[in-house]
Amino acid sequence: MTHARQHRIQVVAHRGASEEAPEHTLAAYRKAIEDGADALECDVRLTADGHLVCVHDRRVNRTSNGRGAVSALELADLAALDFGSWKMREALAARGEELEWEHRPEDREETSVLTLERLLELVADAGAGWNWPSRPSTPPAGPARWRSGCSSC
């Protein structure tokens, strides 16, 4: 006789709720928690001045209005960039419309570069009891890149 195991399907928010908010932003992770995600996945990179930030790509070109490698920029440089407008621009482009880059001061904290420390504060404040296994990405995608969350991502 075979006994079928009961497995609970878990929802892992890859780069936060990245379908609804700009990836790796406070807004994306806040939305993922509100939506009831079981776990969060993030990519972590080291800045030139030694801060850990949640940024997927080696360079900030795709997800911000800046250019350059995360490892060559300081946290203050990254904090001055807009990591949110591209998501709106992407949605408008799908409809054949265009959006110029614009900073929205009211959304600044939600769409600015996210430090790992701030993400962990959000998780702690939410009271989430997630187990956060960490492992280096394979192969390494750049200096000090670590992935946390989903062990199969």
N, C-alpha and C. Protein backbone atom coordinates (compact mmCIF):
# COMPACT_ATOMS: atom_id res chain seq x y z
N MET A 1 0.83 -1.17 0.00
CA MET A 1 0.00 0.00 0.00
C MET A 1 0.89 1.24 0.00
N THR A 2 0.56 2.20 -0.85
CA THR A 2 1.33 3.44 -0.95
C THR A 2 0.62 4.55 -0.19
N HIS A 3 1.37 5.24 0.59
CA HIS A 3 0.80 6.37 1.33
C HIS A 3 1.22 7.66 0.63
N ALA A 4 0.26 8.38 0.14
CA ALA A 4 0.56 9.67 -0.51
C ALA A 4 0.89 10.70 0.56
N ARG A 5 1.95 11.41 0.36
CA ARG A 5 2.32 12.48 1.28
C ARG A 5 1.45 13.70 1.00
N GLN A 6 1.10 14.36 2.06
CA GLN A 6 0.37 15.61 1.93
C GLN A 6 1.38 16.75 1.95
N HIS A 7 1.47 17.47 0.87
CA HIS A 7 2.38 18.62 0.79
C HIS A 7 1.55 19.88 0.63
N ARG A 8 1.86 20.85 1.42
CA ARG A 8 1.21 22.14 1.31
C ARG A 8 1.98 22.96 0.28
N ILE A 9 1.26 23.45 -0.70
CA ILE A 9 1.90 24.30 -1.70
C ILE A 9 2.21 25.65 -1.06
N GLN A 10 3.45 26.11 -1.27
CA GLN A 10 3.85 27.39 -0.71
C GLN A 10 4.03 28.41 -1.82
N VAL A 11 3.65 29.63 -1.51
CA VAL A 11 3.80 30.74 -2.45
C VAL A 11 5.05 31.52 -2.05
N VAL A 12 6.01 31.58 -2.97
CA VAL A 12 7.24 32.32 -2.75
C VAL A 12 7.20 33.57 -3.62
N ALA A 13 7.27 34.71 -3.00
CA ALA A 13 7.22 35.99 -3.73
C ALA A 13 8.61 36.29 -4.29
N HIS A 14 8.76 36.03 -5.58
CA HIS A 14 10.03 36.21 -6.27
C HIS A 14 10.27 37.69 -6.53
N ARG A 15 11.26 38.25 -5.88
CA ARG A 15 11.56 39.69 -5.93
C ARG A 15 10.39 40.51 -5.38
N GLY A 16 9.65 39.92 -4.46
CA GLY A 16 8.45 40.56 -3.91
C GLY A 16 7.27 40.29 -4.84
N ALA A 17 6.23 41.08 -4.70
CA ALA A 17 5.07 40.96 -5.59
C ALA A 17 5.42 41.73 -6.87
N SER A 18 6.38 41.20 -7.62
CA SER A 18 6.99 41.94 -8.73
C SER A 18 6.07 42.09 -9.94
N GLU A 19 4.95 41.42 -9.96
CA GLU A 19 3.97 41.63 -11.03
C GLU A 19 3.20 42.92 -10.78
N GLU A 20 3.05 43.28 -9.50
CA GLU A 20 2.22 44.42 -9.13
C GLU A 20 3.00 45.66 -8.71
N ALA A 21 4.26 45.51 -8.39
CA ALA A 21 5.08 46.64 -7.95
C ALA A 21 6.49 46.42 -8.48
N PRO A 22 7.28 47.49 -8.56
CA PRO A 22 8.65 47.33 -9.06
C PRO A 22 9.44 46.33 -8.22
N GLU A 23 10.13 45.41 -8.90
CA GLU A 23 10.84 44.34 -8.20
C GLU A 23 11.85 44.87 -7.20
N HIS A 24 12.03 44.10 -6.13
CA HIS A 24 13.00 44.41 -5.08
C HIS A 24 12.81 45.77 -4.44
N THR A 25 11.57 46.25 -4.37
CA THR A 25 11.30 47.50 -3.66
C THR A 25 10.48 47.19 -2.42
N LEU A 26 10.47 48.13 -1.50
CA LEU A 26 9.67 47.98 -0.29
C LEU A 26 8.21 47.75 -0.67
N ALA A 27 7.74 48.46 -1.69
CA ALA A 27 6.35 48.31 -2.14
C ALA A 27 6.07 46.87 -2.58
N ALA A 28 6.99 46.25 -3.28
CA ALA A 28 6.80 44.87 -3.77
C ALA A 28 6.76 43.88 -2.62
N TYR A 29 7.64 44.03 -1.66
CA TYR A 29 7.67 43.10 -0.54
C TYR A 29 6.49 43.34 0.41
N ARG A 30 6.13 44.60 0.61
CA ARG A 30 4.97 44.90 1.45
C ARG A 30 3.71 44.27 0.84
N LYS A 31 3.55 44.39 -0.48
CA LYS A 31 2.40 43.82 -1.18
C LYS A 31 2.40 42.29 -1.06
N ALA A 32 3.56 41.66 -1.19
CA ALA A 32 3.67 40.21 -1.07
C ALA A 32 3.22 39.73 0.31
N ILE A 33 3.62 40.46 1.34
CA ILE A 33 3.22 40.11 2.70
C ILE A 33 1.72 40.30 2.86
N GLU A 34 1.20 41.43 2.37
CA GLU A 34 -0.25 41.69 2.44
C GLU A 34 -1.05 40.62 1.71
N ASP A 35 -0.51 40.12 0.60
CA ASP A 35 -1.20 39.09 -0.19
C ASP A 35 -1.06 37.70 0.41
N GLY A 36 -0.27 37.56 1.49
CA GLY A 36 -0.16 36.28 2.18
C GLY A 36 0.91 35.33 1.67
N ALA A 37 1.96 35.86 1.04
CA ALA A 37 3.05 35.00 0.58
C ALA A 37 3.63 34.22 1.76
N ASP A 38 4.04 32.98 1.50
CA ASP A 38 4.64 32.15 2.53
C ASP A 38 6.12 32.46 2.72
N ALA A 39 6.76 32.96 1.69
CA ALA A 39 8.20 33.25 1.75
C ALA A 39 8.51 34.36 0.75
N LEU A 40 9.63 35.00 0.97
CA LEU A 40 10.11 36.06 0.08
C LEU A 40 11.46 35.64 -0.48
N GLU A 41 11.70 35.98 -1.73
CA GLU A 41 13.00 35.72 -2.36
C GLU A 41 13.61 37.06 -2.68
N CYS A 42 14.91 37.18 -2.46
CA CYS A 42 15.59 38.41 -2.84
C CYS A 42 17.01 38.10 -3.27
N ASP A 43 17.54 38.96 -4.09
CA ASP A 43 18.93 38.90 -4.52
C ASP A 43 19.64 40.04 -3.81
N VAL A 44 20.80 39.75 -3.25
CA VAL A 44 21.50 40.75 -2.44
C VAL A 44 22.87 41.02 -3.05
N ARG A 45 23.19 42.29 -3.14
CA ARG A 45 24.49 42.72 -3.68
C ARG A 45 25.15 43.68 -2.70
N LEU A 46 26.45 43.76 -2.80
CA LEU A 46 27.26 44.61 -1.94
C LEU A 46 27.60 45.90 -2.67
N THR A 47 27.34 47.05 -2.03
CA THR A 47 27.67 48.34 -2.64
C THR A 47 29.16 48.65 -2.44
N ALA A 48 29.63 49.69 -3.11
CA ALA A 48 31.04 50.08 -3.00
C ALA A 48 31.42 50.46 -1.57
N ASP A 49 30.44 50.96 -0.79
CA ASP A 49 30.74 51.35 0.58
C ASP A 49 30.28 50.32 1.61
N GLY A 50 30.04 49.08 1.17
CA GLY A 50 29.82 47.98 2.09
C GLY A 50 28.40 47.73 2.57
N HIS A 51 27.39 48.27 1.91
CA HIS A 51 26.01 48.03 2.30
C HIS A 51 25.42 46.90 1.46
N LEU A 52 24.54 46.10 2.07
CA LEU A 52 23.84 45.04 1.35
C LEU A 52 22.51 45.58 0.85
N VAL A 53 22.30 45.49 -0.46
CA VAL A 53 21.07 46.00 -1.07
C VAL A 53 20.40 44.90 -1.90
N CYS A 54 19.09 44.99 -2.02
CA CYS A 54 18.30 44.02 -2.78
C CYS A 54 18.17 44.53 -4.22
N VAL A 55 19.01 44.03 -5.08
CA VAL A 55 19.01 44.39 -6.50
C VAL A 55 19.33 43.11 -7.27
N HIS A 56 18.52 42.78 -8.26
CA HIS A 56 18.71 41.54 -9.01
C HIS A 56 19.91 41.61 -9.95
N ASP A 57 19.92 42.59 -10.81
CA ASP A 57 20.95 42.68 -11.85
C ASP A 57 22.25 43.22 -11.29
N ARG A 58 23.34 42.85 -11.95
CA ARG A 58 24.65 43.36 -11.57
C ARG A 58 24.71 44.87 -11.76
N ARG A 59 24.00 45.36 -12.78
CA ARG A 59 23.95 46.79 -13.08
C ARG A 59 22.54 47.32 -12.80
N VAL A 60 22.41 48.61 -12.54
CA VAL A 60 21.12 49.21 -12.22
C VAL A 60 20.37 49.72 -13.46
N ASN A 61 20.95 49.55 -14.62
CA ASN A 61 20.40 50.12 -15.85
C ASN A 61 18.95 49.73 -16.14
N ARG A 62 18.59 48.47 -15.95
CA ARG A 62 17.25 48.00 -16.31
C ARG A 62 16.18 48.45 -15.33
N THR A 63 16.50 48.51 -14.05
CA THR A 63 15.47 48.75 -13.04
C THR A 63 15.51 50.13 -12.40
N SER A 64 16.31 51.02 -12.93
CA SER A 64 16.35 52.38 -12.37
C SER A 64 16.63 53.37 -13.50
N ASN A 65 16.67 54.63 -13.13
CA ASN A 65 17.02 55.66 -14.09
C ASN A 65 18.52 55.95 -14.06
N GLY A 66 19.29 55.07 -13.44
CA GLY A 66 20.73 55.23 -13.37
C GLY A 66 21.47 54.23 -14.24
N ARG A 67 22.79 54.30 -14.16
CA ARG A 67 23.64 53.39 -14.92
C ARG A 67 24.81 53.00 -14.03
N GLY A 68 25.30 51.79 -14.24
CA GLY A 68 26.49 51.36 -13.53
C GLY A 68 26.28 50.11 -12.71
N ALA A 69 27.39 49.54 -12.28
CA ALA A 69 27.37 48.34 -11.46
C ALA A 69 27.06 48.70 -10.02
N VAL A 70 26.24 47.88 -9.38
CA VAL A 70 25.91 48.10 -7.97
C VAL A 70 27.19 48.15 -7.15
N SER A 71 28.13 47.26 -7.43
CA SER A 71 29.36 47.18 -6.66
C SER A 71 30.26 48.41 -6.82
N ALA A 72 29.99 49.23 -7.83
CA ALA A 72 30.78 50.44 -8.05
C ALA A 72 30.09 51.68 -7.49
N LEU A 73 28.86 51.53 -7.01
CA LEU A 73 28.08 52.67 -6.51
C LEU A 73 27.97 52.60 -4.99
N GLU A 74 27.92 53.76 -4.36
CA GLU A 74 27.71 53.82 -2.92
C GLU A 74 26.21 53.86 -2.64
N LEU A 75 25.84 53.56 -1.41
CA LEU A 75 24.42 53.53 -1.04
C LEU A 75 23.75 54.88 -1.32
N ALA A 76 24.42 55.98 -1.05
CA ALA A 76 23.84 57.31 -1.31
C ALA A 76 23.57 57.50 -2.80
N ASP A 77 24.46 56.98 -3.66
CA ASP A 77 24.25 57.07 -5.11
C ASP A 77 23.00 56.28 -5.50
N LEU A 78 22.86 55.08 -4.96
CA LEU A 78 21.71 54.23 -5.27
C LEU A 78 20.42 54.84 -4.73
N ALA A 79 20.49 55.45 -3.54
CA ALA A 79 19.31 56.05 -2.93
C ALA A 79 18.79 57.23 -3.74
N ALA A 80 19.65 57.85 -4.53
CA ALA A 80 19.22 58.99 -5.35
C ALA A 80 18.51 58.54 -6.63
N LEU A 81 18.57 57.25 -6.94
CA LEU A 81 17.96 56.75 -8.18
C LEU A 81 16.49 56.42 -7.99
N ASP A 82 15.78 56.41 -9.10
CA ASP A 82 14.37 56.05 -9.13
C ASP A 82 14.25 54.59 -9.57
N PHE A 83 13.87 53.71 -8.65
CA PHE A 83 13.71 52.29 -8.95
C PHE A 83 12.25 51.92 -9.20
N GLY A 84 11.37 52.92 -9.36
CA GLY A 84 9.95 52.63 -9.48
C GLY A 84 9.29 52.99 -10.79
N SER A 85 9.69 54.09 -11.42
CA SER A 85 8.98 54.56 -12.61
C SER A 85 9.03 53.60 -13.77
N TRP A 86 10.08 52.77 -13.87
CA TRP A 86 10.20 51.86 -15.00
C TRP A 86 9.02 50.92 -15.06
N LYS A 87 8.45 50.56 -13.92
CA LYS A 87 7.33 49.63 -13.91
C LYS A 87 6.11 50.27 -14.59
N MET A 88 5.88 51.55 -14.29
CA MET A 88 4.77 52.26 -14.93
C MET A 88 5.08 52.44 -16.42
N ARG A 89 6.32 52.75 -16.74
CA ARG A 89 6.70 52.93 -18.14
C ARG A 89 6.51 51.64 -18.92
N GLU A 90 6.84 50.50 -18.29
CA GLU A 90 6.66 49.20 -18.94
C GLU A 90 5.19 48.94 -19.25
N ALA A 91 4.31 49.27 -18.30
CA ALA A 91 2.87 49.06 -18.50
C ALA A 91 2.34 49.96 -19.61
N LEU A 92 2.81 51.21 -19.64
CA LEU A 92 2.37 52.13 -20.68
C LEU A 92 2.90 51.70 -22.05
N ALA A 93 4.13 51.21 -22.09
CA ALA A 93 4.72 50.76 -23.35
C ALA A 93 3.91 49.61 -23.94
N ALA A 94 3.40 48.75 -23.08
CA ALA A 94 2.58 47.63 -23.55
C ALA A 94 1.31 48.13 -24.24
N ARG A 95 0.88 49.34 -23.85
CA ARG A 95 -0.31 49.94 -24.48
C ARG A 95 0.06 50.90 -25.60
N GLY A 96 1.37 50.98 -25.91
CA GLY A 96 1.82 51.87 -26.98
C GLY A 96 1.98 53.31 -26.55
N GLU A 97 2.04 53.56 -25.26
CA GLU A 97 2.21 54.92 -24.74
C GLU A 97 3.62 55.06 -24.17
N GLU A 98 4.03 56.28 -23.88
CA GLU A 98 5.36 56.53 -23.36
C GLU A 98 5.31 57.35 -22.09
N LEU A 99 6.25 57.15 -21.20
CA LEU A 99 6.35 57.91 -19.97
C LEU A 99 7.78 58.38 -19.81
N GLU A 100 7.96 59.64 -19.54
CA GLU A 100 9.30 60.15 -19.23
C GLU A 100 9.59 59.80 -17.77
N TRP A 101 10.88 59.61 -17.46
CA TRP A 101 11.24 59.34 -16.07
C TRP A 101 10.76 60.48 -15.20
N GLU A 102 10.18 60.16 -14.08
CA GLU A 102 9.79 61.19 -13.14
C GLU A 102 9.95 60.65 -11.72
N HIS A 103 10.41 61.52 -10.86
CA HIS A 103 10.52 61.14 -9.45
C HIS A 103 9.22 61.51 -8.78
N ARG A 104 8.68 60.61 -8.00
CA ARG A 104 7.46 60.87 -7.25
C ARG A 104 7.84 60.88 -5.78
N PRO A 105 8.05 62.05 -5.22
CA PRO A 105 8.51 62.13 -3.83
C PRO A 105 7.62 61.37 -2.85
N GLU A 106 6.32 61.32 -3.11
CA GLU A 106 5.42 60.63 -2.18
C GLU A 106 5.64 59.12 -2.16
N ASP A 107 6.25 58.56 -3.22
CA ASP A 107 6.50 57.12 -3.30
C ASP A 107 7.97 56.78 -3.03
N ARG A 108 8.75 57.75 -2.65
CA ARG A 108 10.20 57.59 -2.55
C ARG A 108 10.63 56.39 -1.70
N GLU A 109 10.11 56.28 -0.49
CA GLU A 109 10.53 55.16 0.37
C GLU A 109 10.09 53.83 -0.23
N GLU A 110 8.93 53.79 -0.84
CA GLU A 110 8.39 52.55 -1.37
C GLU A 110 9.15 52.05 -2.60
N THR A 111 9.76 52.96 -3.37
CA THR A 111 10.40 52.55 -4.63
C THR A 111 11.88 52.91 -4.70
N SER A 112 12.47 53.28 -3.59
CA SER A 112 13.90 53.55 -3.56
C SER A 112 14.65 52.23 -3.45
N VAL A 113 15.97 52.28 -3.56
CA VAL A 113 16.76 51.06 -3.38
C VAL A 113 16.46 50.51 -1.99
N LEU A 114 16.35 49.20 -1.90
CA LEU A 114 15.99 48.55 -0.64
C LEU A 114 17.21 47.89 -0.05
N THR A 115 17.54 48.23 1.19
CA THR A 115 18.64 47.55 1.85
C THR A 115 18.11 46.24 2.45
N LEU A 116 19.00 45.27 2.59
CA LEU A 116 18.61 44.02 3.22
C LEU A 116 18.14 44.27 4.65
N GLU A 117 18.79 45.18 5.33
CA GLU A 117 18.39 45.52 6.70
C GLU A 117 16.94 45.99 6.74
N ARG A 118 16.54 46.87 5.81
CA ARG A 118 15.16 47.38 5.80
C ARG A 118 14.17 46.27 5.46
N LEU A 119 14.53 45.37 4.54
CA LEU A 119 13.66 44.26 4.21
C LEU A 119 13.44 43.37 5.43
N LEU A 120 14.50 43.08 6.16
CA LEU A 120 14.38 42.24 7.36
C LEU A 120 13.55 42.93 8.44
N GLU A 121 13.65 44.27 8.52
CA GLU A 121 12.80 45.02 9.45
C GLU A 121 11.34 44.88 9.07
N LEU A 122 11.04 44.95 7.78
CA LEU A 122 9.67 44.79 7.30
C LEU A 122 9.12 43.42 7.68
N VAL A 123 9.91 42.39 7.47
CA VAL A 123 9.49 41.03 7.80
C VAL A 123 9.26 40.90 9.30
N ALA A 124 10.18 41.44 10.10
CA ALA A 124 10.03 41.37 11.56
C ALA A 124 8.79 42.13 12.01
N ASP A 125 8.56 43.30 11.43
CA ASP A 125 7.39 44.11 11.79
C ASP A 125 6.09 43.41 11.41
N ALA A 126 6.12 42.63 10.33
CA ALA A 126 4.93 41.92 9.88
C ALA A 126 4.64 40.71 10.76
N GLY A 127 5.61 40.33 11.58
CA GLY A 127 5.43 39.18 12.46
C GLY A 127 5.49 37.87 11.71
N ALA A 128 6.04 37.91 10.52
CA ALA A 128 6.11 36.68 9.72
C ALA A 128 7.16 35.76 10.31
N GLY A 129 6.83 34.48 10.41
CA GLY A 129 7.76 33.51 10.97
C GLY A 129 8.43 32.68 9.90
N TRP A 130 8.86 33.33 8.83
CA TRP A 130 9.46 32.59 7.73
C TRP A 130 10.83 32.07 8.08
N ASN A 131 11.15 30.92 7.54
CA ASN A 131 12.49 30.38 7.62
C ASN A 131 13.22 30.87 6.38
N TRP A 132 14.31 31.58 6.54
CA TRP A 132 15.01 32.19 5.42
C TRP A 132 16.31 31.47 5.13
N PRO A 133 16.28 30.33 4.43
CA PRO A 133 17.55 29.70 4.08
C PRO A 133 18.31 30.58 3.10
N SER A 134 19.60 30.64 3.24
CA SER A 134 20.42 31.45 2.33
C SER A 134 21.45 30.56 1.66
N ARG A 135 21.74 30.90 0.43
CA ARG A 135 22.78 30.16 -0.30
C ARG A 135 23.36 31.09 -1.35
N PRO A 136 24.64 30.91 -1.68
CA PRO A 136 25.21 31.71 -2.76
C PRO A 136 24.61 31.25 -4.08
N SER A 137 24.44 32.19 -5.01
CA SER A 137 23.94 31.80 -6.32
C SER A 137 25.02 30.99 -7.03
N THR A 138 24.60 30.14 -7.96
CA THR A 138 25.54 29.30 -8.69
C THR A 138 25.29 29.45 -10.16
N PRO A 139 26.20 29.83 -10.99
CA PRO A 139 27.52 30.34 -10.61
C PRO A 139 27.41 31.77 -10.10
N PRO A 140 28.41 32.26 -9.37
CA PRO A 140 28.33 33.63 -8.86
C PRO A 140 28.11 34.62 -10.00
N ALA A 141 27.17 35.53 -9.76
CA ALA A 141 26.83 36.52 -10.77
C ALA A 141 27.52 37.85 -10.51
N GLY A 142 28.46 37.87 -9.65
CA GLY A 142 29.17 39.11 -9.36
C GLY A 142 29.62 39.10 -7.92
N PRO A 143 30.27 40.17 -7.50
CA PRO A 143 30.81 40.23 -6.15
C PRO A 143 29.69 40.17 -5.10
N ALA A 144 29.85 39.29 -4.15
CA ALA A 144 28.99 39.21 -2.97
C ALA A 144 27.51 39.14 -3.29
N ARG A 145 27.12 38.34 -4.26
CA ARG A 145 25.70 38.18 -4.58
C ARG A 145 25.18 36.95 -3.86
N TRP A 146 24.14 37.13 -3.08
CA TRP A 146 23.53 36.04 -2.33
C TRP A 146 22.05 36.05 -2.59
N ARG A 147 21.45 34.88 -2.61
CA ARG A 147 20.01 34.77 -2.77
C ARG A 147 19.45 34.22 -1.48
N SER A 148 18.33 34.78 -1.06
CA SER A 148 17.67 34.29 0.15
C SER A 148 16.26 33.93 -0.20
N GLY A 149 15.75 32.94 0.46
CA GLY A 149 14.34 32.57 0.26
C GLY A 149 14.22 31.21 -0.35
N CYS A 150 13.73 31.14 -1.57
CA CYS A 150 13.41 29.88 -2.22
C CYS A 150 14.67 29.10 -2.54
N SER A 151 14.78 27.88 -2.02
CA SER A 151 15.99 27.10 -2.25
C SER A 151 16.05 26.50 -3.65
N SER A 152 14.94 26.55 -4.40
CA SER A 152 14.96 25.99 -5.74
C SER A 152 14.95 27.06 -6.83
N CYS A 153 15.01 28.37 -6.41
CA CYS A 153 14.98 29.44 -7.41
C CYS A 153 16.35 29.66 -8.03
